[in-house]
Amino acid sequence: MTATIVFSLANILVLPMWVLMIFLPKWRPTGFLIDNKIIPIVLSGLYVFYILQVLISNGMMDFGSLKSVMELFTIENAALAGWIHYLAFDLLIGMWMIDQNKDLNLHQVLMAPCLFLTFMFGPLGFLLFMVLKGLKSNPI
């Protein structure tokens, strides 16, 4: 399977989970997928496979400078592993936010933008959630 196909499949794999978390966070199948971290586990397996390919082919990676990290992303399998890394960890953050919201009880109208922004821009959605969590926990 080519890296391009794996890239597309990984993107397709996470999309339904994000839709479920945004629109049906309290549905039992959504809860099952969140509790068992099934999709992040699959993504983690893919990540390990592709990062090992990079290590075998290119040796140890250099993260010591922006230039060296930019060079890593010119290696197809490294870029794919990096993208899978983003997909997995953004999804885990979204799952964590839903778990946190069980106690916090933010309305879904507030949670949906947090989750969407986490899906699209990672830390931006996380930051919005943390601001809302802080406001809910410590009202002004």
C-alpha atoms as a PDB file:
ATOM      1  CA  MET A   1       0.000   0.000   0.000  1.00  0.00           C
ATOM      2  CA  THR A   2       1.425   3.384  -0.926  1.00  0.00           C
ATOM      3  CA  ALA A   3       1.959   6.198   1.559  1.00  0.00           C
ATOM      4  CA  THR A   4      -0.624   8.239  -0.345  1.00  0.00           C
ATOM      5  CA  ILE A   5      -3.274   5.548   0.159  1.00  0.00           C
ATOM      6  CA  VAL A   6      -2.401   5.170   3.858  1.00  0.00           C
ATOM      7  CA  PHE A   7      -2.622   8.958   4.244  1.00  0.00           C
ATOM      8  CA  SER A   8      -6.126   8.925   2.730  1.00  0.00           C
ATOM      9  CA  LEU A   9      -7.234   5.925   4.801  1.00  0.00           C
ATOM     10  CA  ALA A  10      -5.979   7.497   8.036  1.00  0.00           C
ATOM     11  CA  ASN A  11      -7.911  10.673   7.251  1.00  0.00           C
ATOM     12  CA  ILE A  12     -11.032   8.644   6.462  1.00  0.00           C
ATOM     13  CA  LEU A  13     -10.599   6.622   9.665  1.00  0.00           C
ATOM     14  CA  VAL A  14     -10.707   9.641  11.989  1.00  0.00           C
ATOM     15  CA  LEU A  15     -13.508  11.571  10.300  1.00  0.00           C
ATOM     16  CA  PRO A  16     -16.448   9.430  11.539  1.00  0.00           C
ATOM     17  CA  MET A  17     -15.064   9.543  15.079  1.00  0.00           C
ATOM     18  CA  TRP A  18     -14.940  13.338  15.016  1.00  0.00           C
ATOM     19  CA  VAL A  19     -18.488  13.464  13.630  1.00  0.00           C
ATOM     20  CA  LEU A  20     -19.689  11.179  16.431  1.00  0.00           C
ATOM     21  CA  MET A  21     -17.890  13.218  19.093  1.00  0.00           C
ATOM     22  CA  ILE A  22     -19.252  16.525  17.803  1.00  0.00           C
ATOM     23  CA  PHE A  23     -22.836  15.475  17.088  1.00  0.00           C
ATOM     24  CA  LEU A  24     -23.462  12.339  19.195  1.00  0.00           C
ATOM     25  CA  PRO A  25     -21.062  12.486  22.152  1.00  0.00           C
ATOM     26  CA  LYS A  26     -23.475  10.718  24.533  1.00  0.00           C
ATOM     27  CA  TRP A  27     -24.444   7.903  22.160  1.00  0.00           C
ATOM     28  CA  ARG A  28     -23.383   4.514  23.545  1.00  0.00           C
ATOM     29  CA  PRO A  29     -21.265   3.489  20.492  1.00  0.00           C
ATOM     30  CA  THR A  30     -19.437   6.843  20.680  1.00  0.00           C
ATOM     31  CA  GLY A  31     -18.732   6.231  24.359  1.00  0.00           C
ATOM     32  CA  PHE A  32     -17.469   2.728  23.588  1.00  0.00           C
ATOM     33  CA  LEU A  33     -15.050   4.042  20.952  1.00  0.00           C
ATOM     34  CA  ILE A  34     -13.855   6.797  23.293  1.00  0.00           C
ATOM     35  CA  ASP A  35     -13.467   4.521  26.327  1.00  0.00           C
ATOM     36  CA  ASN A  36     -11.515   1.897  24.394  1.00  0.00           C
ATOM     37  CA  LYS A  37      -9.473   4.343  22.250  1.00  0.00           C
ATOM     38  CA  ILE A  38      -9.885   2.004  19.271  1.00  0.00           C
ATOM     39  CA  ILE A  39      -9.055   4.499  16.522  1.00  0.00           C
ATOM     40  CA  PRO A  40      -6.040   6.035  18.320  1.00  0.00           C
ATOM     41  CA  ILE A  41      -4.712   2.506  18.887  1.00  0.00           C
ATOM     42  CA  VAL A  42      -5.024   1.716  15.167  1.00  0.00           C
ATOM     43  CA  LEU A  43      -3.338   5.020  14.315  1.00  0.00           C
ATOM     44  CA  SER A  44      -0.569   4.298  16.831  1.00  0.00           C
ATOM     45  CA  GLY A  45       0.120   0.972  15.125  1.00  0.00           C
ATOM     46  CA  LEU A  46       0.358   2.722  11.759  1.00  0.00           C
ATOM     47  CA  TYR A  47       2.634   5.356  13.278  1.00  0.00           C
ATOM     48  CA  VAL A  48       4.993   2.732  14.701  1.00  0.00           C
ATOM     49  CA  PHE A  49       5.145   0.947  11.354  1.00  0.00           C
ATOM     50  CA  TYR A  50       6.022   4.088   9.398  1.00  0.00           C
ATOM     51  CA  ILE A  51       8.395   5.577  11.954  1.00  0.00           C
ATOM     52  CA  LEU A  52      10.294   2.262  12.007  1.00  0.00           C
ATOM     53  CA  GLN A  53      10.505   2.427   8.206  1.00  0.00           C
ATOM     54  CA  VAL A  54      12.110   5.851   8.511  1.00  0.00           C
ATOM     55  CA  LEU A  55      14.542   4.719  11.198  1.00  0.00           C
ATOM     56  CA  ILE A  56      15.546   1.641   9.201  1.00  0.00           C
ATOM     57  CA  SER A  57      15.982   3.600   5.970  1.00  0.00           C
ATOM     58  CA  ASN A  58      17.454   6.846   7.281  1.00  0.00           C
ATOM     59  CA  GLY A  59      18.826   6.170  10.749  1.00  0.00           C
ATOM     60  CA  MET A  60      18.173   8.286  13.805  1.00  0.00           C
ATOM     61  CA  MET A  61      16.190  11.462  13.262  1.00  0.00           C
ATOM     62  CA  ASP A  62      17.463  14.902  14.199  1.00  0.00           C
ATOM     63  CA  PHE A  63      14.959  17.142  15.997  1.00  0.00           C
ATOM     64  CA  GLY A  64      17.612  19.613  17.137  1.00  0.00           C
ATOM     65  CA  SER A  65      16.744  22.483  14.832  1.00  0.00           C
ATOM     66  CA  LEU A  66      13.874  23.732  12.724  1.00  0.00           C
ATOM     67  CA  LYS A  67      15.924  23.113   9.587  1.00  0.00           C
ATOM     68  CA  SER A  68      16.547  19.454  10.488  1.00  0.00           C
ATOM     69  CA  VAL A  69      12.848  18.905  11.275  1.00  0.00           C
ATOM     70  CA  MET A  70      11.937  20.511   7.936  1.00  0.00           C
ATOM     71  CA  GLU A  71      14.333  18.107   6.208  1.00  0.00           C
ATOM     72  CA  LEU A  72      12.643  15.154   7.939  1.00  0.00           C
ATOM     73  CA  PHE A  73       9.340  16.184   6.420  1.00  0.00           C
ATOM     74  CA  THR A  74      10.835  15.814   2.943  1.00  0.00           C
ATOM     75  CA  ILE A  75      10.976  12.051   3.587  1.00  0.00           C
ATOM     76  CA  GLU A  76       7.604  10.599   2.563  1.00  0.00           C
ATOM     77  CA  ASN A  77       7.313   8.032   5.372  1.00  0.00           C
ATOM     78  CA  ALA A  78       8.421  10.583   7.967  1.00  0.00           C
ATOM     79  CA  ALA A  79       5.809  13.072   6.776  1.00  0.00           C
ATOM     80  CA  LEU A  80       3.171  10.318   6.849  1.00  0.00           C
ATOM     81  CA  ALA A  81       4.206   9.290  10.366  1.00  0.00           C
ATOM     82  CA  GLY A  82       4.073  12.930  11.435  1.00  0.00           C
ATOM     83  CA  TRP A  83       0.579  13.346  10.011  1.00  0.00           C
ATOM     84  CA  ILE A  84      -0.639  10.151  11.696  1.00  0.00           C
ATOM     85  CA  HIS A  85       0.877  11.478  14.920  1.00  0.00           C
ATOM     86  CA  TYR A  86      -1.208  14.662  14.583  1.00  0.00           C
ATOM     87  CA  LEU A  87      -4.363  12.687  13.812  1.00  0.00           C
ATOM     88  CA  ALA A  88      -3.904  10.360  16.781  1.00  0.00           C
ATOM     89  CA  PHE A  89      -3.030  12.984  19.366  1.00  0.00           C
ATOM     90  CA  ASP A  90      -5.659  15.502  18.262  1.00  0.00           C
ATOM     91  CA  LEU A  91      -8.225  12.713  18.483  1.00  0.00           C
ATOM     92  CA  LEU A  92      -7.006  11.738  21.947  1.00  0.00           C
ATOM     93  CA  ILE A  93      -7.326  15.365  23.072  1.00  0.00           C
ATOM     94  CA  GLY A  94     -10.881  15.466  21.704  1.00  0.00           C
ATOM     95  CA  MET A  95     -11.702  12.258  23.576  1.00  0.00           C
ATOM     96  CA  TRP A  96     -10.177  13.691  26.748  1.00  0.00           C
ATOM     97  CA  MET A  97     -12.276  16.833  26.380  1.00  0.00           C
ATOM     98  CA  ILE A  98     -15.448  14.734  26.144  1.00  0.00           C
ATOM     99  CA  ASP A  99     -14.400  12.773  29.232  1.00  0.00           C
ATOM    100  CA  GLN A 100     -13.728  16.032  31.085  1.00  0.00           C
ATOM    101  CA  ASN A 101     -17.107  17.349  30.042  1.00  0.00           C
ATOM    102  CA  LYS A 102     -18.896  14.489  31.815  1.00  0.00           C
ATOM    103  CA  ASP A 103     -18.198  16.351  35.077  1.00  0.00           C
ATOM    104  CA  LEU A 104     -18.007  19.858  33.658  1.00  0.00           C
ATOM    105  CA  ASN A 105     -21.303  19.614  31.771  1.00  0.00           C
ATOM    106  CA  LEU A 106     -20.690  22.306  29.159  1.00  0.00           C
ATOM    107  CA  HIS A 107     -23.582  22.520  26.695  1.00  0.00           C
ATOM    108  CA  GLN A 108     -22.969  20.757  23.391  1.00  0.00           C
ATOM    109  CA  VAL A 109     -23.291  24.103  21.609  1.00  0.00           C
ATOM    110  CA  LEU A 110     -20.078  25.122  23.417  1.00  0.00           C
ATOM    111  CA  MET A 111     -18.365  21.764  23.068  1.00  0.00           C
ATOM    112  CA  ALA A 112     -18.920  21.443  19.312  1.00  0.00           C
ATOM    113  CA  PRO A 113     -16.651  24.385  18.373  1.00  0.00           C
ATOM    114  CA  CYS A 114     -13.979  23.142  20.792  1.00  0.00           C
ATOM    115  CA  LEU A 115     -14.044  19.709  19.175  1.00  0.00           C
ATOM    116  CA  PHE A 116     -14.195  21.043  15.613  1.00  0.00           C
ATOM    117  CA  LEU A 117     -11.268  23.386  16.235  1.00  0.00           C
ATOM    118  CA  THR A 118      -9.292  20.561  17.853  1.00  0.00           C
ATOM    119  CA  PHE A 119      -9.947  18.446  14.763  1.00  0.00           C
ATOM    120  CA  MET A 120      -8.881  21.206  12.403  1.00  0.00           C
ATOM    121  CA  PHE A 121      -6.275  23.159  14.403  1.00  0.00           C
ATOM    122  CA  GLY A 122      -5.366  20.988  17.424  1.00  0.00           C
ATOM    123  CA  PRO A 123      -4.120  23.353  20.107  1.00  0.00           C
ATOM    124  CA  LEU A 124      -6.620  26.082  19.194  1.00  0.00           C
ATOM    125  CA  GLY A 125      -9.573  23.849  20.106  1.00  0.00           C
ATOM    126  CA  PHE A 126      -7.805  22.640  23.231  1.00  0.00           C
ATOM    127  CA  LEU A 127      -7.146  26.232  24.303  1.00  0.00           C
ATOM    128  CA  LEU A 128     -10.780  27.211  23.755  1.00  0.00           C
ATOM    129  CA  PHE A 129     -11.911  24.220  25.820  1.00  0.00           C
ATOM    130  CA  MET A 130      -9.512  25.112  28.633  1.00  0.00           C
ATOM    131  CA  VAL A 131     -10.768  28.727  28.657  1.00  0.00           C
ATOM    132  CA  LEU A 132     -14.388  27.536  28.821  1.00  0.00           C
ATOM    133  CA  LYS A 133     -13.488  24.991  31.483  1.00  0.00           C
ATOM    134  CA  GLY A 134     -11.792  27.719  33.529  1.00  0.00           C
ATOM    135  CA  LEU A 135     -14.771  30.057  33.172  1.00  0.00           C
ATOM    136  CA  LYS A 136     -17.208  27.295  34.150  1.00  0.00           C
ATOM    137  CA  SER A 137     -15.091  26.183  37.118  1.00  0.00           C
ATOM    138  CA  ASN A 138     -14.282  29.718  38.325  1.00  0.00           C
ATOM    139  CA  PRO A 139     -16.988  32.119  37.155  1.00  0.00           C
ATOM    140  CA  ILE A 140     -15.982  35.755  37.039  1.00  0.00           C
END
